[in-house]
Amino acid sequence: MPHGEALQHTYYYTQGRDGLMPALLLLEKCNESDLHATLQVGEFKNENISCSEKTCYLKVPDMKRWAQLAWSCLGDRSTGWSESDGDKWDDAIDDIVKQLANGDRIKVKDGETVTV
């Protein structure tokens, strides 16, 4: 997911590296061998498992609004939002937009942001 690294960066930027990363912002990346291993634990047979790559596109007409929505859902600490989190809200949103704009899987086409 192209937004994962941007949100992780912003989490560390606003919260520091202490404490737990929110569950939906896990640091580990899932690759094909991880998927195979997980399915095998679920008793799927290796010969019945196949993987393929799909490219998906998402048009985002307002990246700042998207960042606000994503951060409100994914930036919450395990202890909940604090008053200091509110004080850092604008900085967090600006950082997400900056990270996405500089990401290698985010493009602007016809005035709209497209994630691939």
C-alpha atoms as a PDB file:
ATOM      1  CA  MET A   1       0.000   0.000   0.000  1.00  0.00           C
ATOM      2  CA  PRO A   2       1.617   3.250  -1.089  1.00  0.00           C
ATOM      3  CA  HIS A   3       0.282   5.185   1.892  1.00  0.00           C
ATOM      4  CA  GLY A   4       1.649   2.838   4.573  1.00  0.00           C
ATOM      5  CA  GLU A   5       5.173   4.203   4.674  1.00  0.00           C
ATOM      6  CA  ALA A   6       3.918   7.801   4.674  1.00  0.00           C
ATOM      7  CA  LEU A   7       1.649   7.154   7.662  1.00  0.00           C
ATOM      8  CA  GLN A   8       4.378   5.260   9.505  1.00  0.00           C
ATOM      9  CA  HIS A   9       6.745   8.196   8.948  1.00  0.00           C
ATOM     10  CA  THR A  10       4.158  10.631  10.278  1.00  0.00           C
ATOM     11  CA  TYR A  11       3.460   8.447  13.289  1.00  0.00           C
ATOM     12  CA  TYR A  12       7.148   8.493  14.240  1.00  0.00           C
ATOM     13  CA  TYR A  13       7.383  12.200  13.399  1.00  0.00           C
ATOM     14  CA  THR A  14       4.533  13.081  15.766  1.00  0.00           C
ATOM     15  CA  GLN A  15       4.819  10.349  18.425  1.00  0.00           C
ATOM     16  CA  GLY A  16       8.493   9.424  18.476  1.00  0.00           C
ATOM     17  CA  ARG A  17       9.718   5.858  18.296  1.00  0.00           C
ATOM     18  CA  ASP A  18       8.562   4.850  21.774  1.00  0.00           C
ATOM     19  CA  GLY A  19       5.387   2.876  22.194  1.00  0.00           C
ATOM     20  CA  LEU A  20       3.523   0.592  19.870  1.00  0.00           C
ATOM     21  CA  MET A  21       2.788   1.348  16.242  1.00  0.00           C
ATOM     22  CA  PRO A  22      -0.986   1.136  15.615  1.00  0.00           C
ATOM     23  CA  ALA A  23      -1.982  -2.332  14.406  1.00  0.00           C
ATOM     24  CA  LEU A  24      -3.011  -1.121  10.959  1.00  0.00           C
ATOM     25  CA  LEU A  25       0.398   0.504  10.431  1.00  0.00           C
ATOM     26  CA  LEU A  26       2.443  -2.621  11.022  1.00  0.00           C
ATOM     27  CA  LEU A  27       6.086  -2.294  10.120  1.00  0.00           C
ATOM     28  CA  GLU A  28       6.421  -5.674   8.474  1.00  0.00           C
ATOM     29  CA  LYS A  29       5.795  -5.923   4.780  1.00  0.00           C
ATOM     30  CA  CYS A  30       3.999  -8.973   3.512  1.00  0.00           C
ATOM     31  CA  ASN A  31       5.666 -10.634   0.557  1.00  0.00           C
ATOM     32  CA  GLU A  32       4.769 -13.723  -1.460  1.00  0.00           C
ATOM     33  CA  SER A  33       6.685 -16.146   0.763  1.00  0.00           C
ATOM     34  CA  ASP A  34       4.926 -14.723   3.856  1.00  0.00           C
ATOM     35  CA  LEU A  35       1.567 -15.209   2.184  1.00  0.00           C
ATOM     36  CA  HIS A  36       2.427 -18.800   1.246  1.00  0.00           C
ATOM     37  CA  ALA A  37       3.550 -19.571   4.811  1.00  0.00           C
ATOM     38  CA  THR A  38       0.383 -18.060   6.285  1.00  0.00           C
ATOM     39  CA  LEU A  39      -1.865 -20.030   3.937  1.00  0.00           C
ATOM     40  CA  GLN A  40       0.008 -23.246   4.688  1.00  0.00           C
ATOM     41  CA  VAL A  41      -0.536 -22.696   8.420  1.00  0.00           C
ATOM     42  CA  GLY A  42      -4.222 -22.441   7.506  1.00  0.00           C
ATOM     43  CA  GLU A  43      -3.855 -25.927   5.966  1.00  0.00           C
ATOM     44  CA  PHE A  44      -3.910 -24.851   2.331  1.00  0.00           C
ATOM     45  CA  LYS A  45      -1.729 -27.111   0.220  1.00  0.00           C
ATOM     46  CA  ASN A  46       1.202 -25.463  -1.527  1.00  0.00           C
ATOM     47  CA  GLU A  47       0.170 -26.864  -4.912  1.00  0.00           C
ATOM     48  CA  ASN A  48      -3.203 -25.122  -4.542  1.00  0.00           C
ATOM     49  CA  ILE A  49      -1.670 -21.707  -3.831  1.00  0.00           C
ATOM     50  CA  SER A  50      -0.857 -19.292  -6.621  1.00  0.00           C
ATOM     51  CA  CYS A  51       0.017 -15.633  -6.421  1.00  0.00           C
ATOM     52  CA  SER A  52      -0.208 -12.921  -9.012  1.00  0.00           C
ATOM     53  CA  GLU A  53       0.428  -9.216  -8.986  1.00  0.00           C
ATOM     54  CA  LYS A  54      -2.337  -6.717  -9.641  1.00  0.00           C
ATOM     55  CA  THR A  55      -1.956  -3.009 -10.186  1.00  0.00           C
ATOM     56  CA  CYS A  56      -4.753  -0.892  -8.783  1.00  0.00           C
ATOM     57  CA  TYR A  57      -5.392   2.811  -9.135  1.00  0.00           C
ATOM     58  CA  LEU A  58      -7.152   5.170  -6.776  1.00  0.00           C
ATOM     59  CA  LYS A  59      -7.937   8.743  -7.782  1.00  0.00           C
ATOM     60  CA  VAL A  60      -7.777  11.168  -4.884  1.00  0.00           C
ATOM     61  CA  PRO A  61      -9.091  14.615  -5.803  1.00  0.00           C
ATOM     62  CA  ASP A  62      -8.044  16.220  -2.488  1.00  0.00           C
ATOM     63  CA  MET A  63      -4.912  14.722  -0.934  1.00  0.00           C
ATOM     64  CA  LYS A  64      -5.156  16.889   2.200  1.00  0.00           C
ATOM     65  CA  ARG A  65      -8.697  15.669   2.875  1.00  0.00           C
ATOM     66  CA  TRP A  66      -7.589  12.083   2.243  1.00  0.00           C
ATOM     67  CA  ALA A  67      -4.703  12.580   4.719  1.00  0.00           C
ATOM     68  CA  GLN A  68      -7.124  13.903   7.347  1.00  0.00           C
ATOM     69  CA  LEU A  69      -9.374  10.874   6.945  1.00  0.00           C
ATOM     70  CA  ALA A  70      -6.496   8.396   6.964  1.00  0.00           C
ATOM     71  CA  TRP A  71      -4.843   9.977   9.998  1.00  0.00           C
ATOM     72  CA  SER A  72      -8.104  10.091  11.955  1.00  0.00           C
ATOM     73  CA  CYS A  73      -8.483   6.334  11.444  1.00  0.00           C
ATOM     74  CA  LEU A  74      -4.883   5.116  11.457  1.00  0.00           C
ATOM     75  CA  GLY A  75      -2.870   7.565  13.558  1.00  0.00           C
ATOM     76  CA  ASP A  76      -4.561   6.816  16.877  1.00  0.00           C
ATOM     77  CA  ARG A  77      -2.277   5.447  19.597  1.00  0.00           C
ATOM     78  CA  SER A  78      -3.240   2.366  21.590  1.00  0.00           C
ATOM     79  CA  THR A  79      -3.922   4.695  24.521  1.00  0.00           C
ATOM     80  CA  GLY A  80      -6.198   6.904  22.417  1.00  0.00           C
ATOM     81  CA  TRP A  81      -5.822  10.458  21.166  1.00  0.00           C
ATOM     82  CA  SER A  82      -4.317  12.979  23.572  1.00  0.00           C
ATOM     83  CA  GLU A  83      -4.561  16.751  23.742  1.00  0.00           C
ATOM     84  CA  SER A  84      -0.977  17.014  22.469  1.00  0.00           C
ATOM     85  CA  ASP A  85      -1.999  14.922  19.435  1.00  0.00           C
ATOM     86  CA  GLY A  86      -4.545  17.605  18.638  1.00  0.00           C
ATOM     87  CA  ASP A  87      -1.829  20.229  18.898  1.00  0.00           C
ATOM     88  CA  LYS A  88       0.211  18.277  16.319  1.00  0.00           C
ATOM     89  CA  TRP A  89      -2.715  17.569  13.982  1.00  0.00           C
ATOM     90  CA  ASP A  90      -1.882  20.130  11.289  1.00  0.00           C
ATOM     91  CA  ASP A  91       1.791  19.128  11.297  1.00  0.00           C
ATOM     92  CA  ALA A  92       0.776  15.477  10.943  1.00  0.00           C
ATOM     93  CA  ILE A  93      -1.524  16.180   7.990  1.00  0.00           C
ATOM     94  CA  ASP A  94       1.120  18.318   6.281  1.00  0.00           C
ATOM     95  CA  ASP A  95       3.703  15.568   6.796  1.00  0.00           C
ATOM     96  CA  ILE A  96       1.433  12.884   5.316  1.00  0.00           C
ATOM     97  CA  VAL A  97       0.780  15.004   2.226  1.00  0.00           C
ATOM     98  CA  LYS A  98       4.508  15.732   1.887  1.00  0.00           C
ATOM     99  CA  GLN A  99       5.443  12.054   2.244  1.00  0.00           C
ATOM    100  CA  LEU A 100       2.823  10.999  -0.305  1.00  0.00           C
ATOM    101  CA  ALA A 101       3.867  13.710  -2.758  1.00  0.00           C
ATOM    102  CA  ASN A 102       7.448  12.447  -2.579  1.00  0.00           C
ATOM    103  CA  GLY A 103       6.497   8.750  -2.752  1.00  0.00           C
ATOM    104  CA  ASP A 104       7.508   6.721  -5.761  1.00  0.00           C
ATOM    105  CA  ARG A 105       4.053   5.177  -6.202  1.00  0.00           C
ATOM    106  CA  ILE A 106       2.049   8.397  -6.113  1.00  0.00           C
ATOM    107  CA  LYS A 107       1.509  10.443  -9.260  1.00  0.00           C
ATOM    108  CA  VAL A 108      -0.458  13.515 -10.204  1.00  0.00           C
ATOM    109  CA  LYS A 109      -2.370  13.124 -13.449  1.00  0.00           C
ATOM    110  CA  ASP A 110      -4.841  15.643 -14.850  1.00  0.00           C
ATOM    111  CA  GLY A 111      -4.813  17.578 -11.582  1.00  0.00           C
ATOM    112  CA  GLU A 112      -5.789  14.558  -9.489  1.00  0.00           C
ATOM    113  CA  THR A 113      -3.542  12.466  -7.302  1.00  0.00           C
ATOM    114  CA  VAL A 114      -3.402   8.836  -8.358  1.00  0.00           C
ATOM    115  CA  THR A 115      -1.991   6.091  -6.174  1.00  0.00           C
ATOM    116  CA  VAL A 116      -0.709   2.945  -7.863  1.00  0.00           C
END
